[in-house]
């Protein structure tokens, strides 16, 4: 009797496992198909027009384009990207610091902005002040989240194409965003995330990084893929997962590995957290990885620099405890 019961339990568990694997595969294939459909659907559409299609159930869209714009293929041939962890959990001087980020965006005019550690208060500032940008926000059920801003005058996009993917084993509610765009006839899948924090969570962080790399490798060879964000990665952790795979570029390394632009979290230069260090830590937490298209118009990192290194006039602090990455791509 016990043997029969054990057999039934094993059969039941097997069915559950197969169902879960099938569901995960279905979700992956469904969004892969959605990206393909997006590119075929937007081939001749002007930038900034939001599709009338019903948004996918997984999406949470914040903001819409202010107005239609001209075809992106008539625009510039250099894609400009800004990636910044806003340190939104630091509520001190948050309005002034967030406003400084907005001013940088309006001055530099990046085509794509990748933001991490966004909170509801700072999100509202972006929505109200970033004229000419679609603001796409991540998971509002957690205290802080990621966001993507798209410049409507140079980039073709549909707000409803945003996908939010939770890291299933994160203890910090971390997730990543996926959003397809088209720039100067180059098809680009844009991704951002804030990987698990703290040195003790290295195993989870490596797992999350591996998931990101796996997603990038699986994409259609006609698509370019950009992943950028606060990875919290140490070089030893990158090496532990096998390093950066063939076909994927580390943007900082591709642009010359300049020491002056290496450390994006540098407590020797940035004292926003108010701590006194005997040996101030400096780490390359913020990274951007690129998988250029093989069979279509490709992007290549060409210029890598850091932004946000000026103290603000009012609070005498920096906009964030992270420097921002400014990255330009040539279109080939």
C-alpha atoms as a PDB file:
ATOM      1  CA  UNK A   1       0.000   0.000   0.000  1.00  0.00           C
ATOM      2  CA  UNK A   2       2.826   2.383   0.961  1.00  0.00           C
ATOM      3  CA  UNK A   3       4.688   1.526  -2.252  1.00  0.00           C
ATOM      4  CA  UNK A   4       1.605   2.381  -4.340  1.00  0.00           C
ATOM      5  CA  UNK A   5       1.183   5.665  -2.472  1.00  0.00           C
ATOM      6  CA  UNK A   6       4.850   6.581  -3.024  1.00  0.00           C
ATOM      7  CA  UNK A   7       4.498   5.824  -6.732  1.00  0.00           C
ATOM      8  CA  UNK A   8       1.447   8.073  -7.011  1.00  0.00           C
ATOM      9  CA  UNK A   9       3.284  10.890  -5.243  1.00  0.00           C
ATOM     10  CA  UNK A  10       6.253  10.560  -7.607  1.00  0.00           C
ATOM     11  CA  UNK A  11       3.953  10.575 -10.638  1.00  0.00           C
ATOM     12  CA  UNK A  12       2.155  13.680  -9.322  1.00  0.00           C
ATOM     13  CA  UNK A  13       5.460  15.510  -8.712  1.00  0.00           C
ATOM     14  CA  UNK A  14       6.603  14.583 -12.206  1.00  0.00           C
ATOM     15  CA  UNK A  15       3.455  16.061 -13.724  1.00  0.00           C
ATOM     16  CA  UNK A  16       3.917  19.293 -11.732  1.00  0.00           C
ATOM     17  CA  UNK A  17       7.564  19.654 -12.830  1.00  0.00           C
ATOM     18  CA  UNK A  18       6.710  19.055 -16.488  1.00  0.00           C
ATOM     19  CA  UNK A  19       3.894  21.614 -16.276  1.00  0.00           C
ATOM     20  CA  UNK A  20       6.144  24.261 -14.715  1.00  0.00           C
ATOM     21  CA  UNK A  21       8.903  23.727 -17.279  1.00  0.00           C
ATOM     22  CA  UNK A  22       6.336  23.896 -20.053  1.00  0.00           C
ATOM     23  CA  UNK A  23       4.893  27.134 -18.677  1.00  0.00           C
ATOM     24  CA  UNK A  24       8.330  28.758 -18.475  1.00  0.00           C
ATOM     25  CA  UNK A  25       9.121  27.664 -22.038  1.00  0.00           C
ATOM     26  CA  UNK A  26       5.738  28.954 -23.240  1.00  0.00           C
ATOM     27  CA  UNK A  27       6.321  32.350 -21.611  1.00  0.00           C
ATOM     28  CA  UNK A  28       9.764  32.587 -23.199  1.00  0.00           C
ATOM     29  CA  UNK A  29       8.548  31.600 -26.651  1.00  0.00           C
ATOM     30  CA  UNK A  30       5.495  33.868 -26.381  1.00  0.00           C
ATOM     31  CA  UNK A  31       7.574  36.987 -25.743  1.00  0.00           C
ATOM     32  CA  UNK A  32      10.123  35.969 -28.360  1.00  0.00           C
ATOM     33  CA  UNK A  33       7.244  35.853 -30.829  1.00  0.00           C
ATOM     34  CA  UNK A  34       5.985  39.191 -29.541  1.00  0.00           C
ATOM     35  CA  UNK A  35       9.350  40.828 -30.280  1.00  0.00           C
ATOM     36  CA  UNK A  36       9.329  39.428 -33.809  1.00  0.00           C
ATOM     37  CA  UNK A  37       5.767  40.682 -34.255  1.00  0.00           C
ATOM     38  CA  UNK A  38       6.727  44.106 -32.905  1.00  0.00           C
ATOM     39  CA  UNK A  39       9.465  44.589 -35.485  1.00  0.00           C
ATOM     40  CA  UNK A  40       7.301  43.497 -38.391  1.00  0.00           C
ATOM     41  CA  UNK A  41       4.452  45.653 -37.105  1.00  0.00           C
ATOM     42  CA  UNK A  42       6.514  48.849 -36.670  1.00  0.00           C
ATOM     43  CA  UNK A  43       8.573  48.679 -39.847  1.00  0.00           C
ATOM     44  CA  UNK A  44       6.919  51.711 -41.398  1.00  0.00           C
ATOM     45  CA  UNK A  45       5.403  53.422 -38.372  1.00  0.00           C
ATOM     46  CA  UNK A  46       6.547  56.819 -37.063  1.00  0.00           C
ATOM     47  CA  UNK A  47       8.409  56.922 -33.771  1.00  0.00           C
ATOM     48  CA  UNK A  48       6.540  57.617 -30.581  1.00  0.00           C
ATOM     49  CA  UNK A  49       3.128  56.349 -31.657  1.00  0.00           C
ATOM     50  CA  UNK A  50       1.730  53.938 -29.116  1.00  0.00           C
ATOM     51  CA  UNK A  51      -0.036  50.903 -30.544  1.00  0.00           C
ATOM     52  CA  UNK A  52      -3.748  50.477 -29.930  1.00  0.00           C
ATOM     53  CA  UNK A  53      -3.089  46.827 -29.126  1.00  0.00           C
ATOM     54  CA  UNK A  54      -4.165  45.763 -25.651  1.00  0.00           C
ATOM     55  CA  UNK A  55      -1.108  45.782 -23.349  1.00  0.00           C
ATOM     56  CA  UNK A  56       0.145  42.343 -22.291  1.00  0.00           C
ATOM     57  CA  UNK A  57      -1.015  41.340 -18.819  1.00  0.00           C
ATOM     58  CA  UNK A  58       2.554  41.358 -17.487  1.00  0.00           C
ATOM     59  CA  UNK A  59       3.212  44.991 -18.427  1.00  0.00           C
ATOM     60  CA  UNK A  60       2.945  48.077 -16.237  1.00  0.00           C
ATOM     61  CA  UNK A  61       3.252  51.124 -18.445  1.00  0.00           C
ATOM     62  CA  UNK A  62       3.902  54.587 -17.033  1.00  0.00           C
ATOM     63  CA  UNK A  63       3.728  57.545 -19.378  1.00  0.00           C
ATOM     64  CA  UNK A  64       3.107  58.023 -23.088  1.00  0.00           C
ATOM     65  CA  UNK A  65       4.845  59.984 -25.826  1.00  0.00           C
ATOM     66  CA  UNK A  66       4.035  63.674 -25.879  1.00  0.00           C
ATOM     67  CA  UNK A  67       3.589  63.741 -29.657  1.00  0.00           C
ATOM     68  CA  UNK A  68       4.292  61.744 -32.830  1.00  0.00           C
ATOM     69  CA  UNK A  69       7.664  62.295 -34.465  1.00  0.00           C
ATOM     70  CA  UNK A  70       9.439  61.725 -37.740  1.00  0.00           C
ATOM     71  CA  UNK A  71      10.730  58.384 -38.957  1.00  0.00           C
ATOM     72  CA  UNK A  72      13.778  57.280 -36.944  1.00  0.00           C
ATOM     73  CA  UNK A  73      15.640  56.188 -40.082  1.00  0.00           C
ATOM     74  CA  UNK A  74      15.957  59.873 -41.042  1.00  0.00           C
ATOM     75  CA  UNK A  75      17.656  60.707 -37.731  1.00  0.00           C
ATOM     76  CA  UNK A  76      21.201  60.469 -36.366  1.00  0.00           C
ATOM     77  CA  UNK A  77      23.349  57.386 -36.918  1.00  0.00           C
ATOM     78  CA  UNK A  78      24.843  57.289 -33.412  1.00  0.00           C
ATOM     79  CA  UNK A  79      22.748  55.784 -30.632  1.00  0.00           C
ATOM     80  CA  UNK A  80      23.258  57.515 -27.284  1.00  0.00           C
ATOM     81  CA  UNK A  81      22.498  55.718 -24.014  1.00  0.00           C
ATOM     82  CA  UNK A  82      22.553  56.825 -20.370  1.00  0.00           C
ATOM     83  CA  UNK A  83      22.558  54.246 -17.555  1.00  0.00           C
ATOM     84  CA  UNK A  84      22.196  55.363 -13.925  1.00  0.00           C
ATOM     85  CA  UNK A  85      21.418  53.940 -10.490  1.00  0.00           C
ATOM     86  CA  UNK A  86      19.562  56.803  -8.803  1.00  0.00           C
ATOM     87  CA  UNK A  87      20.079  55.690  -5.186  1.00  0.00           C
ATOM     88  CA  UNK A  88      16.379  56.309  -4.639  1.00  0.00           C
ATOM     89  CA  UNK A  89      16.416  54.595  -1.249  1.00  0.00           C
ATOM     90  CA  UNK A  90      18.418  57.556   0.038  1.00  0.00           C
ATOM     91  CA  UNK A  91      15.548  59.952   0.702  1.00  0.00           C
ATOM     92  CA  UNK A  92      17.833  62.825   1.726  1.00  0.00           C
ATOM     93  CA  UNK A  93      17.825  65.557  -0.936  1.00  0.00           C
ATOM     94  CA  UNK A  94      15.912  63.185  -3.225  1.00  0.00           C
ATOM     95  CA  UNK A  95      14.036  65.919  -5.094  1.00  0.00           C
ATOM     96  CA  UNK A  96      17.154  67.957  -5.848  1.00  0.00           C
ATOM     97  CA  UNK A  97      19.145  64.877  -6.811  1.00  0.00           C
ATOM     98  CA  UNK A  98      16.417  63.499  -9.085  1.00  0.00           C
ATOM     99  CA  UNK A  99      15.919  66.908 -10.685  1.00  0.00           C
ATOM    100  CA  UNK A 100      19.642  66.959 -11.460  1.00  0.00           C
ATOM    101  CA  UNK A 101      19.258  63.638 -13.290  1.00  0.00           C
ATOM    102  CA  UNK A 102      16.355  65.078 -15.298  1.00  0.00           C
ATOM    103  CA  UNK A 103      18.478  68.114 -16.193  1.00  0.00           C
ATOM    104  CA  UNK A 104      21.247  65.818 -17.434  1.00  0.00           C
ATOM    105  CA  UNK A 105      18.750  63.938 -19.598  1.00  0.00           C
ATOM    106  CA  UNK A 106      17.321  67.112 -21.119  1.00  0.00           C
ATOM    107  CA  UNK A 107      20.817  68.515 -21.720  1.00  0.00           C
ATOM    108  CA  UNK A 108      22.494  65.395 -23.137  1.00  0.00           C
ATOM    109  CA  UNK A 109      19.420  64.097 -25.000  1.00  0.00           C
ATOM    110  CA  UNK A 110      20.159  60.357 -24.818  1.00  0.00           C
ATOM    111  CA  UNK A 111      18.022  58.180 -27.069  1.00  0.00           C
ATOM    112  CA  UNK A 112      17.647  55.541 -24.349  1.00  0.00           C
ATOM    113  CA  UNK A 113      17.882  55.919 -20.567  1.00  0.00           C
ATOM    114  CA  UNK A 114      18.221  52.932 -18.231  1.00  0.00           C
ATOM    115  CA  UNK A 115      17.441  53.681 -14.588  1.00  0.00           C
ATOM    116  CA  UNK A 116      17.727  51.573 -11.460  1.00  0.00           C
ATOM    117  CA  UNK A 117      16.639  52.112  -7.860  1.00  0.00           C
ATOM    118  CA  UNK A 118      13.737  54.291  -8.940  1.00  0.00           C
ATOM    119  CA  UNK A 119      11.082  55.031  -6.301  1.00  0.00           C
ATOM    120  CA  UNK A 120       7.542  56.305  -6.766  1.00  0.00           C
ATOM    121  CA  UNK A 121       8.490  59.870  -5.772  1.00  0.00           C
ATOM    122  CA  UNK A 122      11.315  60.123  -8.306  1.00  0.00           C
ATOM    123  CA  UNK A 123       9.256  58.374 -11.002  1.00  0.00           C
ATOM    124  CA  UNK A 124       6.683  61.162 -10.800  1.00  0.00           C
ATOM    125  CA  UNK A 125       9.425  63.753 -11.332  1.00  0.00           C
ATOM    126  CA  UNK A 126      10.531  61.973 -14.512  1.00  0.00           C
ATOM    127  CA  UNK A 127       6.969  61.674 -15.795  1.00  0.00           C
ATOM    128  CA  UNK A 128       6.259  65.361 -15.236  1.00  0.00           C
ATOM    129  CA  UNK A 129       9.532  66.804 -16.521  1.00  0.00           C
ATOM    130  CA  UNK A 130      11.069  64.550 -19.190  1.00  0.00           C
ATOM    131  CA  UNK A 131       9.292  66.083 -22.159  1.00  0.00           C
ATOM    132  CA  UNK A 132       9.862  64.141 -25.348  1.00  0.00           C
ATOM    133  CA  UNK A 133      10.399  60.822 -23.585  1.00  0.00           C
ATOM    134  CA  UNK A 134       8.226  57.790 -22.937  1.00  0.00           C
ATOM    135  CA  UNK A 135       8.707  56.697 -19.321  1.00  0.00           C
ATOM    136  CA  UNK A 136       8.334  52.937 -18.845  1.00  0.00           C
ATOM    137  CA  UNK A 137       8.417  51.760 -15.244  1.00  0.00           C
ATOM    138  CA  UNK A 138       9.009  48.397 -13.626  1.00  0.00           C
ATOM    139  CA  UNK A 139       7.395  46.561 -10.749  1.00  0.00           C
ATOM    140  CA  UNK A 140       5.577  48.967  -8.413  1.00  0.00           C
ATOM    141  CA  UNK A 141       4.843  46.260  -5.845  1.00  0.00           C
ATOM    142  CA  UNK A 142       8.376  46.644  -4.469  1.00  0.00           C
ATOM    143  CA  UNK A 143       9.765  49.814  -2.823  1.00  0.00           C
ATOM    144  CA  UNK A 144      12.185  50.475  -5.681  1.00  0.00           C
ATOM    145  CA  UNK A 145      12.313  49.331  -9.285  1.00  0.00           C
ATOM    146  CA  UNK A 146      13.805  49.886 -12.748  1.00  0.00           C
ATOM    147  CA  UNK A 147      12.703  52.197 -15.550  1.00  0.00           C
ATOM    148  CA  UNK A 148      13.455  52.836 -19.217  1.00  0.00           C
ATOM    149  CA  UNK A 149      13.078  56.209 -20.941  1.00  0.00           C
ATOM    150  CA  UNK A 150      12.822  56.356 -24.728  1.00  0.00           C
ATOM    151  CA  UNK A 151      13.291  59.547 -26.757  1.00  0.00           C
ATOM    152  CA  UNK A 152      10.351  59.734 -29.133  1.00  0.00           C
ATOM    153  CA  UNK A 153      11.956  61.995 -31.748  1.00  0.00           C
ATOM    154  CA  UNK A 154      14.713  59.511 -32.616  1.00  0.00           C
ATOM    155  CA  UNK A 155      13.464  56.069 -31.592  1.00  0.00           C
ATOM    156  CA  UNK A 156      10.591  53.965 -32.882  1.00  0.00           C
ATOM    157  CA  UNK A 157       8.831  52.199 -30.028  1.00  0.00           C
ATOM    158  CA  UNK A 158       5.534  50.993 -28.596  1.00  0.00           C
ATOM    159  CA  UNK A 159       5.013  51.449 -24.861  1.00  0.00           C
ATOM    160  CA  UNK A 160       2.931  48.288 -24.727  1.00  0.00           C
ATOM    161  CA  UNK A 161       5.936  46.193 -25.760  1.00  0.00           C
ATOM    162  CA  UNK A 162       7.535  46.444 -22.303  1.00  0.00           C
ATOM    163  CA  UNK A 163       8.008  43.178 -20.428  1.00  0.00           C
ATOM    164  CA  UNK A 164       8.777  42.876 -16.712  1.00  0.00           C
ATOM    165  CA  UNK A 165      10.470  39.641 -15.672  1.00  0.00           C
ATOM    166  CA  UNK A 166      10.952  38.823 -11.968  1.00  0.00           C
ATOM    167  CA  UNK A 167      13.986  36.876 -10.820  1.00  0.00           C
ATOM    168  CA  UNK A 168      12.183  33.936  -9.272  1.00  0.00           C
ATOM    169  CA  UNK A 169      14.626  33.313  -6.401  1.00  0.00           C
ATOM    170  CA  UNK A 170      15.478  36.925  -5.536  1.00  0.00           C
ATOM    171  CA  UNK A 171      14.989  37.797  -1.868  1.00  0.00           C
ATOM    172  CA  UNK A 172      15.018  41.506  -2.743  1.00  0.00           C
ATOM    173  CA  UNK A 173      12.207  41.562  -5.291  1.00  0.00           C
ATOM    174  CA  UNK A 174      14.610  42.143  -8.177  1.00  0.00           C
ATOM    175  CA  UNK A 175      13.462  41.984 -11.797  1.00  0.00           C
ATOM    176  CA  UNK A 176      14.587  42.952 -15.273  1.00  0.00           C
ATOM    177  CA  UNK A 177      12.923  44.917 -18.051  1.00  0.00           C
ATOM    178  CA  UNK A 178      12.894  44.005 -21.745  1.00  0.00           C
ATOM    179  CA  UNK A 179      11.812  46.493 -24.392  1.00  0.00           C
ATOM    180  CA  UNK A 180      12.252  46.310 -28.199  1.00  0.00           C
ATOM    181  CA  UNK A 181      12.998  49.484 -30.146  1.00  0.00           C
ATOM    182  CA  UNK A 182      14.106  50.495 -33.621  1.00  0.00           C
ATOM    183  CA  UNK A 183      16.779  53.135 -34.203  1.00  0.00           C
ATOM    184  CA  UNK A 184      18.086  54.153 -37.633  1.00  0.00           C
ATOM    185  CA  UNK A 185      16.760  50.864 -39.031  1.00  0.00           C
ATOM    186  CA  UNK A 186      18.648  48.849 -36.399  1.00  0.00           C
ATOM    187  CA  UNK A 187      16.453  46.498 -34.387  1.00  0.00           C
ATOM    188  CA  UNK A 188      17.450  46.625 -30.725  1.00  0.00           C
ATOM    189  CA  UNK A 189      16.185  44.780 -27.655  1.00  0.00           C
ATOM    190  CA  UNK A 190      16.916  46.972 -24.617  1.00  0.00           C
ATOM    191  CA  UNK A 191      17.238  45.427 -21.154  1.00  0.00           C
ATOM    192  CA  UNK A 192      17.971  46.770 -17.680  1.00  0.00           C
ATOM    193  CA  UNK A 193      18.121  45.420 -14.153  1.00  0.00           C
ATOM    194  CA  UNK A 194      19.433  45.927 -10.641  1.00  0.00           C
ATOM    195  CA  UNK A 195      20.982  42.595  -9.687  1.00  0.00           C
ATOM    196  CA  UNK A 196      20.996  41.262  -6.124  1.00  0.00           C
ATOM    197  CA  UNK A 197      22.966  43.467  -3.738  1.00  0.00           C
ATOM    198  CA  UNK A 198      25.512  42.765  -0.972  1.00  0.00           C
ATOM    199  CA  UNK A 199      28.581  40.582  -1.026  1.00  0.00           C
ATOM    200  CA  UNK A 200      26.837  37.683   0.749  1.00  0.00           C
ATOM    201  CA  UNK A 201      24.327  37.336  -2.105  1.00  0.00           C
ATOM    202  CA  UNK A 202      26.910  36.484  -4.735  1.00  0.00           C
ATOM    203  CA  UNK A 203      25.358  33.114  -5.592  1.00  0.00           C
ATOM    204  CA  UNK A 204      21.979  34.678  -6.412  1.00  0.00           C
ATOM    205  CA  UNK A 205      23.646  37.526  -8.306  1.00  0.00           C
ATOM    206  CA  UNK A 206      25.608  35.077 -10.483  1.00  0.00           C
ATOM    207  CA  UNK A 207      22.406  33.165 -11.151  1.00  0.00           C
ATOM    208  CA  UNK A 208      20.657  36.369 -12.245  1.00  0.00           C
ATOM    209  CA  UNK A 209      23.576  37.404 -14.453  1.00  0.00           C
ATOM    210  CA  UNK A 210      23.599  33.986 -16.103  1.00  0.00           C
ATOM    211  CA  UNK A 211      19.863  34.334 -16.819  1.00  0.00           C
ATOM    212  CA  UNK A 212      20.476  37.704 -18.487  1.00  0.00           C
ATOM    213  CA  UNK A 213      23.314  36.340 -20.618  1.00  0.00           C
ATOM    214  CA  UNK A 214      21.252  33.327 -21.618  1.00  0.00           C
ATOM    215  CA  UNK A 215      18.402  35.591 -22.735  1.00  0.00           C
ATOM    216  CA  UNK A 216      20.778  37.749 -24.784  1.00  0.00           C
ATOM    217  CA  UNK A 217      22.311  34.725 -26.525  1.00  0.00           C
ATOM    218  CA  UNK A 218      18.913  33.279 -27.471  1.00  0.00           C
ATOM    219  CA  UNK A 219      17.671  36.332 -29.373  1.00  0.00           C
ATOM    220  CA  UNK A 220      17.213  36.415 -33.132  1.00  0.00           C
ATOM    221  CA  UNK A 221      20.500  37.159 -34.925  1.00  0.00           C
ATOM    222  CA  UNK A 222      18.776  40.024 -36.743  1.00  0.00           C
ATOM    223  CA  UNK A 223      18.385  41.832 -33.414  1.00  0.00           C
ATOM    224  CA  UNK A 224      20.922  43.786 -31.403  1.00  0.00           C
ATOM    225  CA  UNK A 225      20.623  43.293 -27.642  1.00  0.00           C
ATOM    226  CA  UNK A 226      21.739  45.781 -24.979  1.00  0.00           C
ATOM    227  CA  UNK A 227      21.746  44.981 -21.278  1.00  0.00           C
ATOM    228  CA  UNK A 228      22.800  47.706 -18.860  1.00  0.00           C
ATOM    229  CA  UNK A 229      22.308  48.353 -15.190  1.00  0.00           C
ATOM    230  CA  UNK A 230      23.630  48.141 -11.669  1.00  0.00           C
ATOM    231  CA  UNK A 231      24.902  44.570 -11.738  1.00  0.00           C
ATOM    232  CA  UNK A 232      26.656  44.639  -8.345  1.00  0.00           C
ATOM    233  CA  UNK A 233      29.090  42.224 -10.006  1.00  0.00           C
ATOM    234  CA  UNK A 234      32.653  41.622  -8.938  1.00  0.00           C
ATOM    235  CA  UNK A 235      35.110  40.484 -11.620  1.00  0.00           C
ATOM    236  CA  UNK A 236      35.544  37.175  -9.781  1.00  0.00           C
ATOM    237  CA  UNK A 237      31.803  36.538 -10.128  1.00  0.00           C
ATOM    238  CA  UNK A 238      31.875  37.186 -13.871  1.00  0.00           C
ATOM    239  CA  UNK A 239      34.759  34.733 -14.176  1.00  0.00           C
ATOM    240  CA  UNK A 240      32.885  32.202 -12.024  1.00  0.00           C
ATOM    241  CA  UNK A 241      30.043  31.959 -14.566  1.00  0.00           C
ATOM    242  CA  UNK A 242      32.469  31.468 -17.435  1.00  0.00           C
ATOM    243  CA  UNK A 243      33.186  35.093 -18.280  1.00  0.00           C
ATOM    244  CA  UNK A 244      31.496  37.144 -20.984  1.00  0.00           C
ATOM    245  CA  UNK A 245      30.345  34.721 -23.714  1.00  0.00           C
ATOM    246  CA  UNK A 246      31.603  34.860 -27.275  1.00  0.00           C
ATOM    247  CA  UNK A 247      29.460  37.218 -29.328  1.00  0.00           C
ATOM    248  CA  UNK A 248      28.645  39.471 -26.353  1.00  0.00           C
ATOM    249  CA  UNK A 249      30.703  42.603 -25.695  1.00  0.00           C
ATOM    250  CA  UNK A 250      31.545  44.280 -22.404  1.00  0.00           C
ATOM    251  CA  UNK A 251      31.096  47.902 -23.490  1.00  0.00           C
ATOM    252  CA  UNK A 252      33.757  49.298 -21.154  1.00  0.00           C
ATOM    253  CA  UNK A 253      36.323  46.792 -22.415  1.00  0.00           C
ATOM    254  CA  UNK A 254      35.290  47.361 -26.042  1.00  0.00           C
ATOM    255  CA  UNK A 255      35.905  51.083 -25.643  1.00  0.00           C
ATOM    256  CA  UNK A 256      39.455  50.680 -24.335  1.00  0.00           C
ATOM    257  CA  UNK A 257      39.144  49.704 -20.641  1.00  0.00           C
ATOM    258  CA  UNK A 258      40.185  53.171 -19.478  1.00  0.00           C
ATOM    259  CA  UNK A 259      40.944  53.202 -15.744  1.00  0.00           C
ATOM    260  CA  UNK A 260      39.378  56.658 -15.393  1.00  0.00           C
ATOM    261  CA  UNK A 261      35.969  55.253 -16.407  1.00  0.00           C
ATOM    262  CA  UNK A 262      36.213  51.879 -14.654  1.00  0.00           C
ATOM    263  CA  UNK A 263      34.749  52.468 -11.200  1.00  0.00           C
ATOM    264  CA  UNK A 264      31.128  53.602 -11.211  1.00  0.00           C
ATOM    265  CA  UNK A 265      30.743  53.159  -7.425  1.00  0.00           C
ATOM    266  CA  UNK A 266      33.775  54.970  -6.067  1.00  0.00           C
ATOM    267  CA  UNK A 267      33.764  55.932  -2.405  1.00  0.00           C
ATOM    268  CA  UNK A 268      37.176  57.546  -2.799  1.00  0.00           C
ATOM    269  CA  UNK A 269      35.479  60.255  -4.890  1.00  0.00           C
ATOM    270  CA  UNK A 270      31.816  60.067  -3.874  1.00  0.00           C
ATOM    271  CA  UNK A 271      30.908  60.620  -0.216  1.00  0.00           C
ATOM    272  CA  UNK A 272      27.115  60.654  -0.583  1.00  0.00           C
ATOM    273  CA  UNK A 273      26.643  57.839   1.938  1.00  0.00           C
ATOM    274  CA  UNK A 274      28.450  59.838   4.630  1.00  0.00           C
ATOM    275  CA  UNK A 275      30.655  56.956   5.738  1.00  0.00           C
ATOM    276  CA  UNK A 276      34.296  57.341   6.706  1.00  0.00           C
ATOM    277  CA  UNK A 277      36.428  54.592   5.162  1.00  0.00           C
ATOM    278  CA  UNK A 278      39.995  53.766   6.053  1.00  0.00           C
ATOM    279  CA  UNK A 279      40.297  52.256   2.581  1.00  0.00           C
ATOM    280  CA  UNK A 280      37.399  53.618   0.478  1.00  0.00           C
ATOM    281  CA  UNK A 281      35.964  50.891  -1.789  1.00  0.00           C
ATOM    282  CA  UNK A 282      35.682  51.413  -5.521  1.00  0.00           C
ATOM    283  CA  UNK A 283      33.962  48.880  -7.761  1.00  0.00           C
ATOM    284  CA  UNK A 284      32.657  48.489 -11.312  1.00  0.00           C
ATOM    285  CA  UNK A 285      29.086  47.737 -10.291  1.00  0.00           C
ATOM    286  CA  UNK A 286      27.443  49.371 -13.302  1.00  0.00           C
ATOM    287  CA  UNK A 287      28.076  47.551 -16.575  1.00  0.00           C
ATOM    288  CA  UNK A 288      26.706  47.423 -20.098  1.00  0.00           C
ATOM    289  CA  UNK A 289      26.804  44.359 -22.327  1.00  0.00           C
ATOM    290  CA  UNK A 290      26.004  44.302 -26.036  1.00  0.00           C
ATOM    291  CA  UNK A 291      25.240  41.511 -28.465  1.00  0.00           C
ATOM    292  CA  UNK A 292      25.440  43.013 -31.962  1.00  0.00           C
ATOM    293  CA  UNK A 293      23.225  41.682 -34.736  1.00  0.00           C
ATOM    294  CA  UNK A 294      24.908  39.272 -37.144  1.00  0.00           C
ATOM    295  CA  UNK A 295      22.517  39.243 -40.081  1.00  0.00           C
ATOM    296  CA  UNK A 296      21.276  42.855 -40.071  1.00  0.00           C
ATOM    297  CA  UNK A 297      22.224  46.427 -39.164  1.00  0.00           C
ATOM    298  CA  UNK A 298      24.482  46.163 -36.117  1.00  0.00           C
ATOM    299  CA  UNK A 299      25.455  48.484 -33.278  1.00  0.00           C
ATOM    300  CA  UNK A 300      28.945  48.758 -31.802  1.00  0.00           C
ATOM    301  CA  UNK A 301      30.070  50.602 -28.624  1.00  0.00           C
ATOM    302  CA  UNK A 302      32.227  53.559 -29.651  1.00  0.00           C
ATOM    303  CA  UNK A 303      32.414  56.048 -26.753  1.00  0.00           C
ATOM    304  CA  UNK A 304      32.308  55.270 -23.012  1.00  0.00           C
ATOM    305  CA  UNK A 305      32.371  57.951 -20.314  1.00  0.00           C
ATOM    306  CA  UNK A 306      30.984  58.725 -16.862  1.00  0.00           C
ATOM    307  CA  UNK A 307      28.381  61.372 -16.017  1.00  0.00           C
ATOM    308  CA  UNK A 308      27.117  62.896 -12.767  1.00  0.00           C
ATOM    309  CA  UNK A 309      30.455  63.719 -11.166  1.00  0.00           C
ATOM    310  CA  UNK A 310      29.583  67.318 -10.295  1.00  0.00           C
ATOM    311  CA  UNK A 311      28.390  68.319  -6.838  1.00  0.00           C
ATOM    312  CA  UNK A 312      24.969  69.938  -6.763  1.00  0.00           C
ATOM    313  CA  UNK A 313      24.813  73.592  -5.774  1.00  0.00           C
ATOM    314  CA  UNK A 314      22.119  73.214  -3.124  1.00  0.00           C
ATOM    315  CA  UNK A 315      22.860  70.086  -1.107  1.00  0.00           C
ATOM    316  CA  UNK A 316      26.573  69.937  -2.012  1.00  0.00           C
ATOM    317  CA  UNK A 317      26.160  66.230  -2.760  1.00  0.00           C
ATOM    318  CA  UNK A 318      26.165  64.247  -5.993  1.00  0.00           C
ATOM    319  CA  UNK A 319      23.020  63.228  -7.860  1.00  0.00           C
ATOM    320  CA  UNK A 320      23.653  59.619  -6.782  1.00  0.00           C
ATOM    321  CA  UNK A 321      26.258  57.495  -5.037  1.00  0.00           C
ATOM    322  CA  UNK A 322      26.795  55.900  -8.480  1.00  0.00           C
ATOM    323  CA  UNK A 323      28.321  57.624 -11.464  1.00  0.00           C
ATOM    324  CA  UNK A 324      26.234  57.242 -14.609  1.00  0.00           C
ATOM    325  CA  UNK A 325      27.476  55.575 -17.780  1.00  0.00           C
ATOM    326  CA  UNK A 326      27.245  57.538 -21.033  1.00  0.00           C
ATOM    327  CA  UNK A 327      27.647  55.186 -23.978  1.00  0.00           C
ATOM    328  CA  UNK A 328      27.498  55.932 -27.690  1.00  0.00           C
ATOM    329  CA  UNK A 329      27.070  53.284 -30.387  1.00  0.00           C
ATOM    330  CA  UNK A 330      27.966  53.456 -34.045  1.00  0.00           C
ATOM    331  CA  UNK A 331      25.464  51.915 -36.456  1.00  0.00           C
ATOM    332  CA  UNK A 332      27.066  49.562 -38.967  1.00  0.00           C
END
